[in-house]
Every structure is written in C-alpha cells, then in structure tokens.
C-alpha cells in the first residue's frame, strides 16, 4: 500500500511537498483498486438492520437474600 494513499485515507494528505505531486485525490479508480485489493479485514454488517417490535416487558420479583448462619 502506498504511503501517500494511507496518508490520504487518514486525512494527513497535503502535509508535505510531495503530496501535491501524487494526484491521489484525482485518481478515484486507483483508490478503488487498492481498497479492493487490500480489503477491510472484516465483513461489514448487512445494510438492512432488522429490528423487531419490542416484546412485552417481563416483571421479575427481587431475589430474596440468603442468611448466613454462624
């Protein structure tokens, strides 16, 4: 992975003179190719999050405390 691209992705591009010559900002296709090649290292969750309705609240009684015998 090119260092210039890492700096661009993390927001540190433009910090030195050579960053102006890399033209990464203009080369979207190159950035997409590198991103596809290196991957994320994890799977993104499904774009559709299925959230069901809230179920009935279950009332519970407090658990009685146990006594300790000496």
PDB file of N, CA and C in Angstrom:
ATOM      1  N   UNK A   1       0.849  -1.167   0.000  1.00  0.00           N
ATOM      2  CA  UNK A   1       0.000   0.000   0.000  1.00  0.00           C
ATOM      3  C   UNK A   1       0.897   1.233   0.000  1.00  0.00           C
ATOM      4  N   UNK A   2       0.683   2.143  -0.928  1.00  0.00           N
ATOM      5  CA  UNK A   2       1.498   3.354  -0.971  1.00  0.00           C
ATOM      6  C   UNK A   2       1.274   4.241   0.259  1.00  0.00           C
ATOM      7  N   UNK A   3       2.363   4.767   0.792  1.00  0.00           N
ATOM      8  CA  UNK A   3       2.263   5.650   1.958  1.00  0.00           C
ATOM      9  C   UNK A   3       1.399   6.874   1.661  1.00  0.00           C
ATOM     10  N   UNK A   4       1.492   7.388   0.440  1.00  0.00           N
ATOM     11  CA  UNK A   4       0.676   8.552   0.082  1.00  0.00           C
ATOM     12  C   UNK A   4      -0.809   8.244   0.207  1.00  0.00           C
ATOM     13  N   UNK A   5      -1.188   7.025  -0.166  1.00  0.00           N
ATOM     14  CA  UNK A   5      -2.603   6.641  -0.093  1.00  0.00           C
ATOM     15  C   UNK A   5      -3.052   6.484   1.358  1.00  0.00           C
ATOM     16  N   UNK A   6      -2.216   5.902   2.177  1.00  0.00           N
ATOM     17  CA  UNK A   6      -2.555   5.781   3.606  1.00  0.00           C
ATOM     18  C   UNK A   6      -2.762   7.169   4.203  1.00  0.00           C
ATOM     19  N   UNK A   7      -1.861   8.084   3.909  1.00  0.00           N
ATOM     20  CA  UNK A   7      -1.986   9.451   4.434  1.00  0.00           C
ATOM     21  C   UNK A   7      -3.253  10.113   3.921  1.00  0.00           C
ATOM     22  N   UNK A   8      -3.602   9.865   2.675  1.00  0.00           N
ATOM     23  CA  UNK A   8      -4.821  10.454   2.107  1.00  0.00           C
ATOM     24  C   UNK A   8      -6.054   9.926   2.834  1.00  0.00           C
ATOM     25  N   UNK A   9      -6.110   8.610   3.051  1.00  0.00           N
ATOM     26  CA  UNK A   9      -7.284   8.000   3.685  1.00  0.00           C
ATOM     27  C   UNK A   9      -7.440   8.423   5.140  1.00  0.00           C
ATOM     28  N   UNK A  10      -6.345   8.642   5.841  1.00  0.00           N
ATOM     29  CA  UNK A  10      -6.460   9.018   7.252  1.00  0.00           C
ATOM     30  C   UNK A  10      -6.508  10.526   7.454  1.00  0.00           C
ATOM     31  N   UNK A  11      -6.501  11.269   6.345  1.00  0.00           N
ATOM     32  CA  UNK A  11      -6.675  12.711   6.444  1.00  0.00           C
ATOM     33  C   UNK A  11      -5.403  13.505   6.636  1.00  0.00           C
ATOM     34  N   UNK A  12      -4.242  12.895   6.377  1.00  0.00           N
ATOM     35  CA  UNK A  12      -2.979  13.598   6.552  1.00  0.00           C
ATOM     36  C   UNK A  12      -2.333  13.995   5.224  1.00  0.00           C
ATOM     37  N   UNK A  13      -3.079  13.878   4.123  1.00  0.00           N
ATOM     38  CA  UNK A  13      -2.537  14.263   2.822  1.00  0.00           C
ATOM     39  C   UNK A  13      -2.305  15.767   2.797  1.00  0.00           C
ATOM     40  N   UNK A  14      -1.348  16.183   2.014  1.00  0.00           N
ATOM     41  CA  UNK A  14      -1.063  17.607   1.886  1.00  0.00           C
ATOM     42  C   UNK A  14      -0.155  18.138   2.979  1.00  0.00           C
ATOM     43  N   UNK A  15       0.466  17.242   3.736  1.00  0.00           N
ATOM     44  CA  UNK A  15       1.330  17.689   4.834  1.00  0.00           C
ATOM     45  C   UNK A  15       2.748  18.004   4.367  1.00  0.00           C
ATOM     46  N   UNK A  16       3.143  17.482   3.174  1.00  0.00           N
ATOM     47  CA  UNK A  16       4.481  17.805   2.682  1.00  0.00           C
ATOM     48  C   UNK A  16       4.430  18.102   1.186  1.00  0.00           C
ATOM     49  N   UNK A  17       5.530  18.503   0.623  1.00  0.00           N
ATOM     50  CA  UNK A  17       5.584  18.961  -0.763  1.00  0.00           C
ATOM     51  C   UNK A  17       5.246  17.845  -1.748  1.00  0.00           C
ATOM     52  N   UNK A  18       5.704  16.638  -1.499  1.00  0.00           N
ATOM     53  CA  UNK A  18       5.477  15.550  -2.462  1.00  0.00           C
ATOM     54  C   UNK A  18       4.021  15.128  -2.558  1.00  0.00           C
ATOM     55  N   UNK A  19       3.214  15.402  -1.546  1.00  0.00           N
ATOM     56  CA  UNK A  19       1.791  15.049  -1.606  1.00  0.00           C
ATOM     57  C   UNK A  19       1.089  15.761  -2.754  1.00  0.00           C
ATOM     58  N   UNK A  20       1.535  16.930  -3.115  1.00  0.00           N
ATOM     59  CA  UNK A  20       0.916  17.676  -4.208  1.00  0.00           C
ATOM     60  C   UNK A  20       1.162  16.994  -5.554  1.00  0.00           C
ATOM     61  N   UNK A  21       2.226  16.199  -5.661  1.00  0.00           N
ATOM     62  CA  UNK A  21       2.570  15.541  -6.921  1.00  0.00           C
ATOM     63  C   UNK A  21       1.915  14.173  -7.074  1.00  0.00           C
ATOM     64  N   UNK A  22       1.401  13.592  -6.022  1.00  0.00           N
ATOM     65  CA  UNK A  22       0.869  12.229  -6.119  1.00  0.00           C
ATOM     66  C   UNK A  22      -0.468  12.163  -6.852  1.00  0.00           C
ATOM     67  N   UNK A  23      -1.269  13.211  -6.820  1.00  0.00           N
ATOM     68  CA  UNK A  23      -2.542  13.297  -7.537  1.00  0.00           C
ATOM     69  C   UNK A  23      -3.531  12.208  -7.115  1.00  0.00           C
ATOM     70  N   UNK A  24      -3.408  11.699  -5.902  1.00  0.00           N
ATOM     71  CA  UNK A  24      -4.327  10.661  -5.435  1.00  0.00           C
ATOM     72  C   UNK A  24      -5.761  11.149  -5.362  1.00  0.00           C
ATOM     73  N   UNK A  25      -5.932  12.391  -5.027  1.00  0.00           N
ATOM     74  CA  UNK A  25      -7.277  12.934  -4.900  1.00  0.00           C
ATOM     75  C   UNK A  25      -8.036  12.844  -6.223  1.00  0.00           C
ATOM     76  N   UNK A  26      -7.309  12.944  -7.323  1.00  0.00           N
ATOM     77  CA  UNK A  26      -7.934  12.922  -8.642  1.00  0.00           C
ATOM     78  C   UNK A  26      -8.104  11.518  -9.210  1.00  0.00           C
ATOM     79  N   UNK A  27      -7.400  10.533  -8.664  1.00  0.00           N
ATOM     80  CA  UNK A  27      -7.397   9.184  -9.234  1.00  0.00           C
ATOM     81  C   UNK A  27      -8.302   8.242  -8.433  1.00  0.00           C
ATOM     82  N   UNK A  28      -9.589   8.426  -8.591  1.00  0.00           N
ATOM     83  CA  UNK A  28     -10.570   7.615  -7.866  1.00  0.00           C
ATOM     84  C   UNK A  28     -10.453   6.136  -8.220  1.00  0.00           C
ATOM     85  N   UNK A  29     -10.248   5.826  -9.485  1.00  0.00           N
ATOM     86  CA  UNK A  29     -10.159   4.425  -9.906  1.00  0.00           C
ATOM     87  C   UNK A  29      -8.997   3.709  -9.217  1.00  0.00           C
ATOM     88  N   UNK A  30      -7.853   4.368  -9.116  1.00  0.00           N
ATOM     89  CA  UNK A  30      -6.701   3.772  -8.425  1.00  0.00           C
ATOM     90  C   UNK A  30      -7.025   3.517  -6.958  1.00  0.00           C
ATOM     91  N   UNK A  31      -7.645   4.484  -6.303  1.00  0.00           N
ATOM     92  CA  UNK A  31      -8.001   4.315  -4.890  1.00  0.00           C
ATOM     93  C   UNK A  31      -8.966   3.150  -4.699  1.00  0.00           C
ATOM     94  N   UNK A  32      -9.921   3.001  -5.618  1.00  0.00           N
ATOM     95  CA  UNK A  32     -10.864   1.876  -5.528  1.00  0.00           C
ATOM     96  C   UNK A  32     -10.156   0.535  -5.713  1.00  0.00           C
ATOM     97  N   UNK A  33      -9.220   0.479  -6.661  1.00  0.00           N
ATOM     98  CA  UNK A  33      -8.483  -0.762  -6.913  1.00  0.00           C
ATOM     99  C   UNK A  33      -7.666  -1.172  -5.696  1.00  0.00           C
ATOM    100  N   UNK A  34      -6.983  -0.219  -5.087  1.00  0.00           N
ATOM    101  CA  UNK A  34      -6.168  -0.537  -3.911  1.00  0.00           C
ATOM    102  C   UNK A  34      -7.070  -0.960  -2.752  1.00  0.00           C
ATOM    103  N   UNK A  35      -8.170  -0.266  -2.557  1.00  0.00           N
ATOM    104  CA  UNK A  35      -9.092  -0.622  -1.469  1.00  0.00           C
ATOM    105  C   UNK A  35      -9.648  -2.024  -1.671  1.00  0.00           C
ATOM    106  N   UNK A  36      -9.960  -2.381  -2.915  1.00  0.00           N
ATOM    107  CA  UNK A  36     -10.480  -3.726  -3.202  1.00  0.00           C
ATOM    108  C   UNK A  36      -9.396  -4.765  -2.938  1.00  0.00           C
ATOM    109  N   UNK A  37      -8.162  -4.461  -3.319  1.00  0.00           N
ATOM    110  CA  UNK A  37      -7.068  -5.412  -3.169  1.00  0.00           C
ATOM    111  C   UNK A  37      -6.726  -5.670  -1.705  1.00  0.00           C
ATOM    112  N   UNK A  38      -6.651  -4.628  -0.893  1.00  0.00           N
ATOM    113  CA  UNK A  38      -6.237  -4.818   0.500  1.00  0.00           C
ATOM    114  C   UNK A  38      -7.393  -5.233   1.393  1.00  0.00           C
ATOM    115  N   UNK A  39      -8.624  -4.908   1.026  1.00  0.00           N
ATOM    116  CA  UNK A  39      -9.780  -5.301   1.823  1.00  0.00           C
ATOM    117  C   UNK A  39      -9.861  -4.553   3.142  1.00  0.00           C
ATOM    118  N   UNK A  40     -10.809  -4.951   3.952  1.00  0.00           N
ATOM    119  CA  UNK A  40     -11.031  -4.300   5.233  1.00  0.00           C
ATOM    120  C   UNK A  40     -10.495  -5.107   6.403  1.00  0.00           C
ATOM    121  N   UNK A  41     -10.408  -6.410   6.240  1.00  0.00           N
ATOM    122  CA  UNK A  41     -10.004  -7.261   7.345  1.00  0.00           C
ATOM    123  C   UNK A  41     -11.187  -7.731   8.176  1.00  0.00           C
ATOM    124  N   UNK A  42     -12.390  -7.311   7.787  1.00  0.00           N
ATOM    125  CA  UNK A  42     -13.604  -7.742   8.466  1.00  0.00           C
ATOM    126  C   UNK A  42     -14.771  -7.581   7.502  1.00  0.00           C
ATOM    127  N   UNK A  43     -15.899  -8.207   7.799  1.00  0.00           N
ATOM    128  CA  UNK A  43     -17.102  -8.093   6.986  1.00  0.00           C
ATOM    129  C   UNK A  43     -17.996  -7.007   7.548  1.00  0.00           C
ATOM    130  N   UNK A  44     -18.506  -6.182   6.656  1.00  0.00           N
ATOM    131  CA  UNK A  44     -19.447  -5.149   7.083  1.00  0.00           C
ATOM    132  C   UNK A  44     -20.794  -5.790   7.402  1.00  0.00           C
ATOM    133  N   UNK A  45     -21.539  -5.254   8.361  1.00  0.00           N
ATOM    134  CA  UNK A  45     -22.858  -5.794   8.656  1.00  0.00           C
ATOM    135  C   UNK A  45     -23.814  -5.542   7.491  1.00  0.00           C
ATOM    136  N   UNK A  46     -24.882  -6.270   7.484  1.00  0.00           N
ATOM    137  CA  UNK A  46     -25.895  -6.127   6.449  1.00  0.00           C
ATOM    138  C   UNK A  46     -26.421  -4.706   6.425  1.00  0.00           C
ATOM    139  N   UNK A  47     -26.652  -4.137   5.215  1.00  0.00           N
ATOM    140  CA  UNK A  47     -27.180  -2.779   5.170  1.00  0.00           C
ATOM    141  C   UNK A  47     -28.589  -2.661   5.737  1.00  0.00           C
ATOM    142  N   UNK A  48     -29.310  -3.782   5.777  1.00  0.00           N
ATOM    143  CA  UNK A  48     -30.662  -3.769   6.348  1.00  0.00           C
ATOM    144  C   UNK A  48     -30.609  -4.331   7.757  1.00  0.00           C
ATOM    145  N   UNK A  49     -30.726  -3.479   8.710  1.00  0.00           N
ATOM    146  CA  UNK A  49     -30.808  -3.933  10.095  1.00  0.00           C
ATOM    147  C   UNK A  49     -32.268  -4.217  10.409  1.00  0.00           C
ATOM    148  N   UNK A  50     -32.553  -5.457  10.713  1.00  0.00           N
ATOM    149  CA  UNK A  50     -33.918  -5.841  11.024  1.00  0.00           C
ATOM    150  C   UNK A  50     -34.107  -5.719  12.527  1.00  0.00           C
ATOM    151  N   UNK A  51     -34.956  -4.825  12.903  1.00  0.00           N
ATOM    152  CA  UNK A  51     -35.252  -4.625  14.318  1.00  0.00           C
ATOM    153  C   UNK A  51     -36.736  -4.896  14.515  1.00  0.00           C
ATOM    154  N   UNK A  52     -37.030  -5.890  15.310  1.00  0.00           N
ATOM    155  CA  UNK A  52     -38.422  -6.251  15.548  1.00  0.00           C
ATOM    156  C   UNK A  52     -39.046  -5.356  16.601  1.00  0.00           C
ATOM    157  N   UNK A  53     -40.346  -5.479  16.747  1.00  0.00           N
ATOM    158  CA  UNK A  53     -41.021  -4.674  17.764  1.00  0.00           C
ATOM    159  C   UNK A  53     -40.582  -5.107  19.163  1.00  0.00           C
ATOM    160  N   UNK A  54     -40.650  -4.198  20.075  1.00  0.00           N
ATOM    161  CA  UNK A  54     -40.304  -4.539  21.453  1.00  0.00           C
ATOM    162  C   UNK A  54     -41.321  -5.529  21.992  1.00  0.00           C
ATOM    163  N   UNK A  55     -40.820  -6.534  22.633  1.00  0.00           N
ATOM    164  CA  UNK A  55     -41.701  -7.526  23.234  1.00  0.00           C
ATOM    165  C   UNK A  55     -42.219  -7.036  24.565  1.00  0.00           C
ATOM    166  N   UNK A  56     -43.100  -7.816  25.181  1.00  0.00           N
ATOM    167  CA  UNK A  56     -43.639  -7.411  26.476  1.00  0.00           C
ATOM    168  C   UNK A  56     -42.531  -7.413  27.530  1.00  0.00           C
ATOM    169  N   UNK A  57     -42.596  -6.484  28.404  1.00  0.00           N
ATOM    170  CA  UNK A  57     -41.619  -6.406  29.484  1.00  0.00           C
ATOM    171  C   UNK A  57     -41.976  -7.457  30.526  1.00  0.00           C
ATOM    172  N   UNK A  58     -40.977  -8.175  30.959  1.00  0.00           N
ATOM    173  CA  UNK A  58     -41.197  -9.234  31.945  1.00  0.00           C
ATOM    174  C   UNK A  58     -40.869  -8.675  33.320  1.00  0.00           C
ATOM    175  N   UNK A  59     -41.861  -8.692  34.184  1.00  0.00           N
ATOM    176  CA  UNK A  59     -41.652  -8.235  35.545  1.00  0.00           C
ATOM    177  C   UNK A  59     -41.068  -9.378  36.356  1.00  0.00           C
ATOM    178  N   UNK A  60     -40.031  -9.110  37.081  1.00  0.00           N
ATOM    179  CA  UNK A  60     -39.432 -10.135  37.932  1.00  0.00           C
ATOM    180  C   UNK A  60     -39.440  -9.642  39.369  1.00  0.00           C
ATOM    181  N   UNK A  61     -39.581 -10.590  40.260  1.00  0.00           N
ATOM    182  CA  UNK A  61     -39.555 -10.249  41.676  1.00  0.00           C
ATOM    183  C   UNK A  61     -38.107 -10.253  42.146  1.00  0.00           C
ATOM    184  N   UNK A  62     -37.776  -9.415  43.099  1.00  0.00           N
ATOM    185  CA  UNK A  62     -36.395  -9.417  43.603  1.00  0.00           C
ATOM    186  C   UNK A  62     -36.061 -10.758  44.250  1.00  0.00           C
ATOM    187  N   UNK A  63     -34.848 -11.179  44.101  1.00  0.00           N
ATOM    188  CA  UNK A  63     -34.394 -12.454  44.697  1.00  0.00           C
ATOM    189  C   UNK A  63     -34.153 -12.204  46.177  1.00  0.00           C
ATOM    190  N   UNK A  64     -34.767 -13.038  47.031  1.00  0.00           N
ATOM    191  CA  UNK A  64     -34.557 -12.844  48.468  1.00  0.00           C
ATOM    192  C   UNK A  64     -33.108 -13.137  48.835  1.00  0.00           C
ATOM    193  N   UNK A  65     -32.592 -12.350  49.760  1.00  0.00           N
ATOM    194  CA  UNK A  65     -31.215 -12.542  50.201  1.00  0.00           C
ATOM    195  C   UNK A  65     -31.139 -13.746  51.134  1.00  0.00           C
ATOM    196  N   UNK A  66     -30.052 -14.474  51.016  1.00  0.00           N
ATOM    197  CA  UNK A  66     -29.873 -15.650  51.871  1.00  0.00           C
ATOM    198  C   UNK A  66     -29.205 -15.215  53.166  1.00  0.00           C
ATOM    199  N   UNK A  67     -29.581 -15.876  54.234  1.00  0.00           N
ATOM    200  CA  UNK A  67     -28.948 -15.585  55.526  1.00  0.00           C
ATOM    201  C   UNK A  67     -27.788 -16.544  55.748  1.00  0.00           C
ATOM    202  N   UNK A  68     -26.803 -16.062  56.450  1.00  0.00           N
ATOM    203  CA  UNK A  68     -25.628 -16.894  56.723  1.00  0.00           C
ATOM    204  C   UNK A  68     -25.675 -17.244  58.205  1.00  0.00           C
ATOM    205  N   UNK A  69     -25.568 -18.530  58.497  1.00  0.00           N
ATOM    206  CA  UNK A  69     -25.539 -18.985  59.886  1.00  0.00           C
ATOM    207  C   UNK A  69     -24.116 -19.159  60.349  1.00  0.00           C
ATOM    208  N   UNK A  70     -23.868 -18.754  61.567  1.00  0.00           N
ATOM    209  CA  UNK A  70     -22.530 -18.926  62.144  1.00  0.00           C
ATOM    210  C   UNK A  70     -22.454 -20.181  62.931  1.00  0.00           C
TER     211      UNK A  70
END
